[in-house]
Amino acid sequence: PRIIANESDFVSINATLSVDFLGQCASETIQGRYYSSSGG
């Protein structure tokens, strides 16, 4: 992240599986079971 932050107008695009009202993104589990992992 410290390297990435050096670029201006950096655009990150990532997929998730669900988002709750607080904005928390669950991208590696489905119904509490591991599907992948954190990755990048």
PDB file of all heavy atoms in Angstrom:
ATOM      1  N   PRO A   1       0.808  -1.226   0.000  1.00  0.00           N
ATOM      2  CA  PRO A   1       0.000   0.000   0.000  1.00  0.00           C
ATOM      3  C   PRO A   1       0.838   1.271   0.000  1.00  0.00           C
ATOM      4  O   PRO A   1       0.426   2.294  -0.554  1.00  0.00           O
ATOM      5  CB  PRO A   1      -0.831  -0.123   1.281  1.00  0.00           C
ATOM      6  CG  PRO A   1      -0.888  -1.589   1.559  1.00  0.00           C
ATOM      7  CD  PRO A   1       0.436  -2.131   1.106  1.00  0.00           C
ATOM      8  N   ARG A   2       2.025   1.206   0.589  1.00  0.00           N
ATOM      9  CA  ARG A   2       2.890   2.400   0.636  1.00  0.00           C
ATOM     10  C   ARG A   2       3.447   2.718  -0.743  1.00  0.00           C
ATOM     11  O   ARG A   2       3.693   3.888  -1.057  1.00  0.00           O
ATOM     12  CB  ARG A   2       4.019   2.162   1.648  1.00  0.00           C
ATOM     13  CG  ARG A   2       3.527   2.013   3.077  1.00  0.00           C
ATOM     14  CD  ARG A   2       4.578   1.400   3.976  1.00  0.00           C
ATOM     15  NE  ARG A   2       4.901   0.031   3.578  1.00  0.00           N
ATOM     16  CZ  ARG A   2       5.690  -0.781   4.281  1.00  0.00           C
ATOM     17  NH1 ARG A   2       6.235  -0.348   5.413  1.00  0.00           N
ATOM     18  NH2 ARG A   2       5.941  -2.007   3.867  1.00  0.00           N
ATOM     19  N   ILE A   3       3.653   1.694  -1.567  1.00  0.00           N
ATOM     20  CA  ILE A   3       4.085   1.905  -2.950  1.00  0.00           C
ATOM     21  C   ILE A   3       2.919   2.414  -3.786  1.00  0.00           C
ATOM     22  O   ILE A   3       3.038   3.397  -4.541  1.00  0.00           O
ATOM     23  CB  ILE A   3       4.644   0.602  -3.550  1.00  0.00           C
ATOM     24  CG1 ILE A   3       5.885   0.129  -2.773  1.00  0.00           C
ATOM     25  CG2 ILE A   3       4.951   0.778  -5.031  1.00  0.00           C
ATOM     26  CD1 ILE A   3       7.059   1.074  -2.825  1.00  0.00           C
ATOM     27  N   ILE A   4       1.778   1.755  -3.658  1.00  0.00           N
ATOM     28  CA  ILE A   4       0.593   2.121  -4.427  1.00  0.00           C
ATOM     29  C   ILE A   4       0.225   3.578  -4.187  1.00  0.00           C
ATOM     30  O   ILE A   4      -0.158   4.304  -5.117  1.00  0.00           O
ATOM     31  CB  ILE A   4      -0.580   1.192  -4.046  1.00  0.00           C
ATOM     32  CG1 ILE A   4      -0.258  -0.254  -4.443  1.00  0.00           C
ATOM     33  CG2 ILE A   4      -1.885   1.655  -4.683  1.00  0.00           C
ATOM     34  CD1 ILE A   4      -1.149  -1.289  -3.793  1.00  0.00           C
ATOM     35  N   ALA A   5       0.332   4.011  -2.953  1.00  0.00           N
ATOM     36  CA  ALA A   5      -0.070   5.374  -2.578  1.00  0.00           C
ATOM     37  C   ALA A   5       0.756   6.442  -3.279  1.00  0.00           C
ATOM     38  O   ALA A   5       0.335   7.601  -3.343  1.00  0.00           O
ATOM     39  CB  ALA A   5       0.028   5.549  -1.066  1.00  0.00           C
ATOM     40  N   ASN A   6       1.913   6.072  -3.830  1.00  0.00           N
ATOM     41  CA  ASN A   6       2.754   7.044  -4.526  1.00  0.00           C
ATOM     42  C   ASN A   6       2.180   7.460  -5.876  1.00  0.00           C
ATOM     43  O   ASN A   6       2.562   8.499  -6.418  1.00  0.00           O
ATOM     44  CB  ASN A   6       4.163   6.484  -4.735  1.00  0.00           C
ATOM     45  CG  ASN A   6       4.999   6.549  -3.486  1.00  0.00           C
ATOM     46  OD1 ASN A   6       5.495   7.608  -3.115  1.00  0.00           O
ATOM     47  ND2 ASN A   6       5.144   5.427  -2.809  1.00  0.00           N
ATOM     48  N   GLU A   7       1.289   6.629  -6.419  1.00  0.00           N
ATOM     49  CA  GLU A   7       0.666   6.971  -7.691  1.00  0.00           C
ATOM     50  C   GLU A   7      -0.530   7.892  -7.436  1.00  0.00           C
ATOM     51  O   GLU A   7      -1.359   7.607  -6.570  1.00  0.00           O
ATOM     52  CB  GLU A   7       0.181   5.718  -8.418  1.00  0.00           C
ATOM     53  CG  GLU A   7       1.286   4.764  -8.845  1.00  0.00           C
ATOM     54  CD  GLU A   7       2.074   5.269 -10.044  1.00  0.00           C
ATOM     55  OE1 GLU A   7       1.825   6.399 -10.505  1.00  0.00           O
ATOM     56  OE2 GLU A   7       2.946   4.521 -10.525  1.00  0.00           O
ATOM     57  N   SER A   8      -0.624   8.987  -8.155  1.00  0.00           N
ATOM     58  CA  SER A   8      -1.811   9.834  -8.046  1.00  0.00           C
ATOM     59  C   SER A   8      -2.940   9.242  -8.882  1.00  0.00           C
ATOM     60  O   SER A   8      -2.693   8.497  -9.839  1.00  0.00           O
ATOM     61  CB  SER A   8      -1.493  11.256  -8.512  1.00  0.00           C
ATOM     62  OG  SER A   8      -1.052  11.254  -9.857  1.00  0.00           O
ATOM     63  N   ASP A   9      -4.184   9.537  -8.502  1.00  0.00           N
ATOM     64  CA  ASP A   9      -5.365   9.038  -9.213  1.00  0.00           C
ATOM     65  C   ASP A   9      -5.334   7.520  -9.378  1.00  0.00           C
ATOM     66  O   ASP A   9      -5.665   6.978 -10.440  1.00  0.00           O
ATOM     67  CB  ASP A   9      -5.494   9.698 -10.599  1.00  0.00           C
ATOM     68  CG  ASP A   9      -5.793  11.184 -10.502  1.00  0.00           C
ATOM     69  OD1 ASP A   9      -6.553  11.582  -9.599  1.00  0.00           O
ATOM     70  OD2 ASP A   9      -5.255  11.952 -11.321  1.00  0.00           O
ATOM     71  N   PHE A  10      -4.930   6.837  -8.319  1.00  0.00           N
ATOM     72  CA  PHE A  10      -4.903   5.383  -8.383  1.00  0.00           C
ATOM     73  C   PHE A  10      -6.321   4.849  -8.233  1.00  0.00           C
ATOM     74  O   PHE A  10      -7.072   5.271  -7.345  1.00  0.00           O
ATOM     75  CB  PHE A  10      -4.011   4.774  -7.294  1.00  0.00           C
ATOM     76  CG  PHE A  10      -3.717   3.322  -7.517  1.00  0.00           C
ATOM     77  CD1 PHE A  10      -2.580   2.939  -8.199  1.00  0.00           C
ATOM     78  CD2 PHE A  10      -4.601   2.337  -7.092  1.00  0.00           C
ATOM     79  CE1 PHE A  10      -2.314   1.596  -8.444  1.00  0.00           C
ATOM     80  CE2 PHE A  10      -4.354   0.998  -7.334  1.00  0.00           C
ATOM     81  CZ  PHE A  10      -3.202   0.626  -8.010  1.00  0.00           C
ATOM     82  N   VAL A  11      -6.710   3.917  -9.082  1.00  0.00           N
ATOM     83  CA  VAL A  11      -8.050   3.335  -9.064  1.00  0.00           C
ATOM     84  C   VAL A  11      -7.932   1.843  -8.795  1.00  0.00           C
ATOM     85  O   VAL A  11      -7.326   1.105  -9.579  1.00  0.00           O
ATOM     86  CB  VAL A  11      -8.791   3.582 -10.387  1.00  0.00           C
ATOM     87  CG1 VAL A  11     -10.150   2.856 -10.379  1.00  0.00           C
ATOM     88  CG2 VAL A  11      -8.994   5.069 -10.617  1.00  0.00           C
ATOM     89  N   SER A  12      -8.503   1.418  -7.691  1.00  0.00           N
ATOM     90  CA  SER A  12      -8.527   0.013  -7.324  1.00  0.00           C
ATOM     91  C   SER A  12      -9.926  -0.537  -7.561  1.00  0.00           C
ATOM     92  O   SER A  12     -10.916   0.077  -7.148  1.00  0.00           O
ATOM     93  CB  SER A  12      -8.140  -0.152  -5.846  1.00  0.00           C
ATOM     94  OG  SER A  12      -8.344  -1.478  -5.411  1.00  0.00           O
ATOM     95  N   ILE A  13     -10.028  -1.689  -8.216  1.00  0.00           N
ATOM     96  CA  ILE A  13     -11.320  -2.309  -8.519  1.00  0.00           C
ATOM     97  C   ILE A  13     -11.268  -3.762  -8.064  1.00  0.00           C
ATOM     98  O   ILE A  13     -10.481  -4.562  -8.574  1.00  0.00           O
ATOM     99  CB  ILE A  13     -11.645  -2.243 -10.024  1.00  0.00           C
ATOM    100  CG1 ILE A  13     -11.589  -0.801 -10.529  1.00  0.00           C
ATOM    101  CG2 ILE A  13     -13.022  -2.854 -10.293  1.00  0.00           C
ATOM    102  CD1 ILE A  13     -11.546  -0.681 -12.038  1.00  0.00           C
ATOM    103  N   ASN A  14     -12.098  -4.102  -7.084  1.00  0.00           N
ATOM    104  CA  ASN A  14     -12.112  -5.460  -6.543  1.00  0.00           C
ATOM    105  C   ASN A  14     -13.538  -5.942  -6.356  1.00  0.00           C
ATOM    106  O   ASN A  14     -14.439  -5.152  -6.070  1.00  0.00           O
ATOM    107  CB  ASN A  14     -11.375  -5.511  -5.196  1.00  0.00           C
ATOM    108  CG  ASN A  14      -9.874  -5.398  -5.354  1.00  0.00           C
ATOM    109  OD1 ASN A  14      -9.229  -6.299  -5.879  1.00  0.00           O
ATOM    110  ND2 ASN A  14      -9.311  -4.281  -4.920  1.00  0.00           N
ATOM    111  N   ALA A  15     -13.727  -7.233  -6.474  1.00  0.00           N
ATOM    112  CA  ALA A  15     -15.046  -7.832  -6.303  1.00  0.00           C
ATOM    113  C   ALA A  15     -15.220  -8.341  -4.881  1.00  0.00           C
ATOM    114  O   ALA A  15     -14.255  -8.716  -4.206  1.00  0.00           O
ATOM    115  CB  ALA A  15     -15.232  -8.981  -7.286  1.00  0.00           C
ATOM    116  N   THR A  16     -16.460  -8.349  -4.424  1.00  0.00           N
ATOM    117  CA  THR A  16     -16.774  -8.907  -3.116  1.00  0.00           C
ATOM    118  C   THR A  16     -18.004  -9.786  -3.246  1.00  0.00           C
ATOM    119  O   THR A  16     -18.657  -9.827  -4.305  1.00  0.00           O
ATOM    120  CB  THR A  16     -16.978  -7.794  -2.075  1.00  0.00           C
ATOM    121  OG1 THR A  16     -16.954  -8.364  -0.762  1.00  0.00           O
ATOM    122  CG2 THR A  16     -18.301  -7.065  -2.292  1.00  0.00           C
ATOM    123  N   LEU A  17     -18.340 -10.479  -2.161  1.00  0.00           N
ATOM    124  CA  LEU A  17     -19.475 -11.400  -2.174  1.00  0.00           C
ATOM    125  C   LEU A  17     -20.682 -10.841  -1.436  1.00  0.00           C
ATOM    126  O   LEU A  17     -21.813 -11.159  -1.778  1.00  0.00           O
ATOM    127  CB  LEU A  17     -19.057 -12.737  -1.548  1.00  0.00           C
ATOM    128  CG  LEU A  17     -17.945 -13.464  -2.310  1.00  0.00           C
ATOM    129  CD1 LEU A  17     -17.399 -14.632  -1.493  1.00  0.00           C
ATOM    130  CD2 LEU A  17     -18.457 -13.960  -3.656  1.00  0.00           C
ATOM    131  N   SER A  18     -20.451 -10.015  -0.428  1.00  0.00           N
ATOM    132  CA  SER A  18     -21.557  -9.355   0.269  1.00  0.00           C
ATOM    133  C   SER A  18     -21.027  -8.155   1.032  1.00  0.00           C
ATOM    134  O   SER A  18     -19.854  -8.103   1.418  1.00  0.00           O
ATOM    135  CB  SER A  18     -22.281 -10.321   1.220  1.00  0.00           C
ATOM    136  OG  SER A  18     -21.410 -10.812   2.219  1.00  0.00           O
ATOM    137  N   VAL A  19     -21.929  -7.179   1.230  1.00  0.00           N
ATOM    138  CA  VAL A  19     -21.597  -5.942   1.950  1.00  0.00           C
ATOM    139  C   VAL A  19     -22.713  -5.673   2.946  1.00  0.00           C
ATOM    140  O   VAL A  19     -23.893  -5.734   2.600  1.00  0.00           O
ATOM    141  CB  VAL A  19     -21.470  -4.742   0.983  1.00  0.00           C
ATOM    142  CG1 VAL A  19     -21.093  -3.477   1.745  1.00  0.00           C
ATOM    143  CG2 VAL A  19     -20.443  -5.025  -0.105  1.00  0.00           C
ATOM    144  N   ASP A  20     -22.338  -5.379   4.208  1.00  0.00           N
ATOM    145  CA  ASP A  20     -23.374  -5.077   5.198  1.00  0.00           C
ATOM    146  C   ASP A  20     -23.594  -3.577   5.314  1.00  0.00           C
ATOM    147  O   ASP A  20     -22.908  -2.771   4.672  1.00  0.00           O
ATOM    148  CB  ASP A  20     -23.049  -5.719   6.544  1.00  0.00           C
ATOM    149  CG  ASP A  20     -21.883  -5.090   7.295  1.00  0.00           C
ATOM    150  OD1 ASP A  20     -21.377  -4.027   6.871  1.00  0.00           O
ATOM    151  OD2 ASP A  20     -21.468  -5.660   8.316  1.00  0.00           O
ATOM    152  N   PHE A  21     -24.579  -3.176   6.137  1.00  0.00           N
ATOM    153  CA  PHE A  21     -24.956  -1.769   6.252  1.00  0.00           C
ATOM    154  C   PHE A  21     -23.803  -0.873   6.693  1.00  0.00           C
ATOM    155  O   PHE A  21     -23.787   0.323   6.397  1.00  0.00           O
ATOM    156  CB  PHE A  21     -26.112  -1.616   7.248  1.00  0.00           C
ATOM    157  CG  PHE A  21     -27.451  -2.067   6.731  1.00  0.00           C
ATOM    158  CD1 PHE A  21     -28.487  -2.339   7.616  1.00  0.00           C
ATOM    159  CD2 PHE A  21     -27.694  -2.213   5.374  1.00  0.00           C
ATOM    160  CE1 PHE A  21     -29.736  -2.744   7.160  1.00  0.00           C
ATOM    161  CE2 PHE A  21     -28.933  -2.618   4.898  1.00  0.00           C
ATOM    162  CZ  PHE A  21     -29.958  -2.893   5.797  1.00  0.00           C
ATOM    163  N   LEU A  22     -22.835  -1.434   7.402  1.00  0.00           N
ATOM    164  CA  LEU A  22     -21.700  -0.635   7.854  1.00  0.00           C
ATOM    165  C   LEU A  22     -20.672  -0.426   6.750  1.00  0.00           C
ATOM    166  O   LEU A  22     -19.806   0.441   6.862  1.00  0.00           O
ATOM    167  CB  LEU A  22     -21.023  -1.297   9.056  1.00  0.00           C
ATOM    168  CG  LEU A  22     -21.883  -1.509  10.305  1.00  0.00           C
ATOM    169  CD1 LEU A  22     -21.079  -2.212  11.390  1.00  0.00           C
ATOM    170  CD2 LEU A  22     -22.424  -0.184  10.824  1.00  0.00           C
ATOM    171  N   GLY A  23     -20.763  -1.239   5.695  1.00  0.00           N
ATOM    172  CA  GLY A  23     -19.793  -1.169   4.611  1.00  0.00           C
ATOM    173  C   GLY A  23     -18.740  -2.245   4.673  1.00  0.00           C
ATOM    174  O   GLY A  23     -17.797  -2.251   3.872  1.00  0.00           O
ATOM    175  N   GLN A  24     -18.876  -3.189   5.591  1.00  0.00           N
ATOM    176  CA  GLN A  24     -17.916  -4.280   5.685  1.00  0.00           C
ATOM    177  C   GLN A  24     -18.093  -5.230   4.507  1.00  0.00           C
ATOM    178  O   GLN A  24     -19.210  -5.636   4.183  1.00  0.00           O
ATOM    179  CB  GLN A  24     -18.105  -5.056   6.992  1.00  0.00           C
ATOM    180  CG  GLN A  24     -17.915  -4.201   8.226  1.00  0.00           C
ATOM    181  CD  GLN A  24     -18.090  -4.999   9.494  1.00  0.00           C
ATOM    182  OE1 GLN A  24     -17.148  -5.170  10.255  1.00  0.00           O
ATOM    183  NE2 GLN A  24     -19.292  -5.494   9.732  1.00  0.00           N
ATOM    184  N   CYS A  25     -16.977  -5.593   3.867  1.00  0.00           N
ATOM    185  CA  CYS A  25     -17.011  -6.443   2.680  1.00  0.00           C
ATOM    186  C   CYS A  25     -16.470  -7.832   3.004  1.00  0.00           C
ATOM    187  O   CYS A  25     -15.312  -7.978   3.407  1.00  0.00           O
ATOM    188  CB  CYS A  25     -16.180  -5.831   1.560  1.00  0.00           C
ATOM    189  SG  CYS A  25     -16.790  -4.232   0.998  1.00  0.00           S
ATOM    190  N   ALA A  26     -17.308  -8.843   2.810  1.00  0.00           N
ATOM    191  CA  ALA A  26     -16.894 -10.235   2.976  1.00  0.00           C
ATOM    192  C   ALA A  26     -16.588 -10.801   1.601  1.00  0.00           C
ATOM    193  O   ALA A  26     -17.501 -11.049   0.811  1.00  0.00           O
ATOM    194  CB  ALA A  26     -17.982 -11.039   3.667  1.00  0.00           C
ATOM    195  N   SER A  27     -15.309 -10.985   1.297  1.00  0.00           N
ATOM    196  CA  SER A  27     -14.894 -11.366  -0.048  1.00  0.00           C
ATOM    197  C   SER A  27     -14.272 -12.751  -0.124  1.00  0.00           C
ATOM    198  O   SER A  27     -13.887 -13.189  -1.207  1.00  0.00           O
ATOM    199  CB  SER A  27     -13.881 -10.342  -0.590  1.00  0.00           C
ATOM    200  OG  SER A  27     -14.359  -9.036  -0.448  1.00  0.00           O
ATOM    201  N   GLU A  28     -14.164 -13.440   1.002  1.00  0.00           N
ATOM    202  CA  GLU A  28     -13.454 -14.717   0.994  1.00  0.00           C
ATOM    203  C   GLU A  28     -14.215 -15.852   1.653  1.00  0.00           C
ATOM    204  O   GLU A  28     -13.722 -16.976   1.700  1.00  0.00           O
ATOM    205  CB  GLU A  28     -12.086 -14.558   1.651  1.00  0.00           C
ATOM    206  CG  GLU A  28     -12.139 -13.940   3.042  1.00  0.00           C
ATOM    207  CD  GLU A  28     -10.787 -13.430   3.507  1.00  0.00           C
ATOM    208  OE1 GLU A  28      -9.922 -14.267   3.843  1.00  0.00           O
ATOM    209  OE2 GLU A  28     -10.606 -12.207   3.539  1.00  0.00           O
ATOM    210  N   THR A  29     -15.414 -15.585   2.165  1.00  0.00           N
ATOM    211  CA  THR A  29     -16.245 -16.626   2.753  1.00  0.00           C
ATOM    212  C   THR A  29     -17.661 -16.520   2.206  1.00  0.00           C
ATOM    213  O   THR A  29     -18.117 -15.442   1.835  1.00  0.00           O
ATOM    214  CB  THR A  29     -16.294 -16.502   4.286  1.00  0.00           C
ATOM    215  OG1 THR A  29     -16.636 -15.152   4.642  1.00  0.00           O
ATOM    216  CG2 THR A  29     -14.961 -16.863   4.926  1.00  0.00           C
ATOM    217  N   ILE A  30     -18.342 -17.643   2.177  1.00  0.00           N
ATOM    218  CA  ILE A  30     -19.748 -17.690   1.778  1.00  0.00           C
ATOM    219  C   ILE A  30     -20.505 -18.421   2.875  1.00  0.00           C
ATOM    220  O   ILE A  30     -20.211 -19.590   3.167  1.00  0.00           O
ATOM    221  CB  ILE A  30     -19.941 -18.404   0.431  1.00  0.00           C
ATOM    222  CG1 ILE A  30     -19.224 -17.654  -0.693  1.00  0.00           C
ATOM    223  CG2 ILE A  30     -21.432 -18.525   0.096  1.00  0.00           C
ATOM    224  CD1 ILE A  30     -19.298 -18.342  -2.038  1.00  0.00           C
ATOM    225  N   GLN A  31     -21.431 -17.704   3.511  1.00  0.00           N
ATOM    226  CA  GLN A  31     -22.201 -18.264   4.621  1.00  0.00           C
ATOM    227  C   GLN A  31     -21.290 -18.888   5.669  1.00  0.00           C
ATOM    228  O   GLN A  31     -21.549 -19.965   6.194  1.00  0.00           O
ATOM    229  CB  GLN A  31     -23.222 -19.281   4.102  1.00  0.00           C
ATOM    230  CG  GLN A  31     -24.284 -18.647   3.201  1.00  0.00           C
ATOM    231  CD  GLN A  31     -25.302 -19.655   2.698  1.00  0.00           C
ATOM    232  OE1 GLN A  31     -25.004 -20.844   2.572  1.00  0.00           O
ATOM    233  NE2 GLN A  31     -26.509 -19.181   2.399  1.00  0.00           N
ATOM    234  N   GLY A  32     -20.214 -18.170   5.963  1.00  0.00           N
ATOM    235  CA  GLY A  32     -19.315 -18.583   7.027  1.00  0.00           C
ATOM    236  C   GLY A  32     -18.305 -19.647   6.654  1.00  0.00           C
ATOM    237  O   GLY A  32     -17.501 -20.056   7.496  1.00  0.00           O
ATOM    238  N   ARG A  33     -18.286 -20.094   5.401  1.00  0.00           N
ATOM    239  CA  ARG A  33     -17.336 -21.124   4.984  1.00  0.00           C
ATOM    240  C   ARG A  33     -16.299 -20.514   4.049  1.00  0.00           C
ATOM    241  O   ARG A  33     -16.636 -19.750   3.144  1.00  0.00           O
ATOM    242  CB  ARG A  33     -18.055 -22.267   4.260  1.00  0.00           C
ATOM    243  CG  ARG A  33     -19.106 -22.965   5.099  1.00  0.00           C
ATOM    244  CD  ARG A  33     -19.710 -24.122   4.352  1.00  0.00           C
ATOM    245  NE  ARG A  33     -18.760 -25.231   4.211  1.00  0.00           N
ATOM    246  CZ  ARG A  33     -19.002 -26.310   3.459  1.00  0.00           C
ATOM    247  NH1 ARG A  33     -20.116 -26.386   2.752  1.00  0.00           N
ATOM    248  NH2 ARG A  33     -18.110 -27.268   3.383  1.00  0.00           N
ATOM    249  N   TYR A  34     -15.046 -20.880   4.276  1.00  0.00           N
ATOM    250  CA  TYR A  34     -13.977 -20.299   3.469  1.00  0.00           C
ATOM    251  C   TYR A  34     -14.102 -20.705   2.005  1.00  0.00           C
ATOM    252  O   TYR A  34     -14.311 -21.868   1.672  1.00  0.00           O
ATOM    253  CB  TYR A  34     -12.602 -20.714   4.003  1.00  0.00           C
ATOM    254  CG  TYR A  34     -11.877 -19.525   4.596  1.00  0.00           C
ATOM    255  CD1 TYR A  34     -11.804 -19.343   5.975  1.00  0.00           C
ATOM    256  CD2 TYR A  34     -11.310 -18.561   3.776  1.00  0.00           C
ATOM    257  CE1 TYR A  34     -11.166 -18.232   6.511  1.00  0.00           C
ATOM    258  CE2 TYR A  34     -10.667 -17.456   4.300  1.00  0.00           C
ATOM    259  CZ  TYR A  34     -10.594 -17.303   5.673  1.00  0.00           C
ATOM    260  OH  TYR A  34      -9.969 -16.201   6.194  1.00  0.00           O
ATOM    261  N   TYR A  35     -13.962 -19.690   1.146  1.00  0.00           N
ATOM    262  CA  TYR A  35     -14.060 -19.882  -0.297  1.00  0.00           C
ATOM    263  C   TYR A  35     -12.731 -19.585  -0.978  1.00  0.00           C
ATOM    264  O   TYR A  35     -12.361 -20.246  -1.933  1.00  0.00           O
ATOM    265  CB  TYR A  35     -15.149 -18.979  -0.861  1.00  0.00           C
ATOM    266  CG  TYR A  35     -15.415 -19.151  -2.337  1.00  0.00           C
ATOM    267  CD1 TYR A  35     -16.236 -20.179  -2.794  1.00  0.00           C
ATOM    268  CD2 TYR A  35     -14.848 -18.290  -3.277  1.00  0.00           C
ATOM    269  CE1 TYR A  35     -16.485 -20.351  -4.155  1.00  0.00           C
ATOM    270  CE2 TYR A  35     -15.092 -18.459  -4.636  1.00  0.00           C
ATOM    271  CZ  TYR A  35     -15.905 -19.486  -5.064  1.00  0.00           C
ATOM    272  OH  TYR A  35     -16.148 -19.660  -6.406  1.00  0.00           O
ATOM    273  N   SER A  36     -12.002 -18.583  -0.520  1.00  0.00           N
ATOM    274  CA  SER A  36     -10.727 -18.198  -1.141  1.00  0.00           C
ATOM    275  C   SER A  36      -9.766 -17.756  -0.036  1.00  0.00           C
ATOM    276  O   SER A  36      -9.347 -18.559   0.781  1.00  0.00           O
ATOM    277  CB  SER A  36     -10.940 -17.089  -2.170  1.00  0.00           C
ATOM    278  OG  SER A  36     -11.643 -15.994  -1.600  1.00  0.00           O
ATOM    279  N   SER A  37      -9.436 -16.486   0.013  1.00  0.00           N
ATOM    280  CA  SER A  37      -8.696 -15.875   1.112  1.00  0.00           C
ATOM    281  C   SER A  37      -8.587 -14.388   0.799  1.00  0.00           C
ATOM    282  O   SER A  37      -9.240 -13.891  -0.120  1.00  0.00           O
ATOM    283  CB  SER A  37      -7.319 -16.509   1.305  1.00  0.00           C
ATOM    284  OG  SER A  37      -6.768 -16.100   2.560  1.00  0.00           O
ATOM    285  N   SER A  38      -7.741 -13.684   1.525  1.00  0.00           N
ATOM    286  CA  SER A  38      -7.710 -12.221   1.405  1.00  0.00           C
ATOM    287  C   SER A  38      -7.124 -11.744   0.084  1.00  0.00           C
ATOM    288  O   SER A  38      -7.575 -10.741  -0.472  1.00  0.00           O
ATOM    289  CB  SER A  38      -6.906 -11.623   2.562  1.00  0.00           C
ATOM    290  OG  SER A  38      -7.449 -12.019   3.798  1.00  0.00           O
ATOM    291  N   GLY A  39      -6.099 -12.446  -0.424  1.00  0.00           N
ATOM    292  CA  GLY A  39      -5.447 -11.989  -1.642  1.00  0.00           C
ATOM    293  C   GLY A  39      -4.937 -10.570  -1.486  1.00  0.00           C
ATOM    294  O   GLY A  39      -4.460 -10.165  -0.434  1.00  0.00           O
ATOM    295  N   GLY A  40      -5.075  -9.787  -2.557  1.00  0.00           N
ATOM    296  CA  GLY A  40      -4.553  -8.421  -2.535  1.00  0.00           C
ATOM    297  C   GLY A  40      -5.609  -7.354  -2.374  1.00  0.00           C
ATOM    298  O   GLY A  40      -5.305  -6.161  -2.520  1.00  0.00           O
TER     299      GLY A  40
END
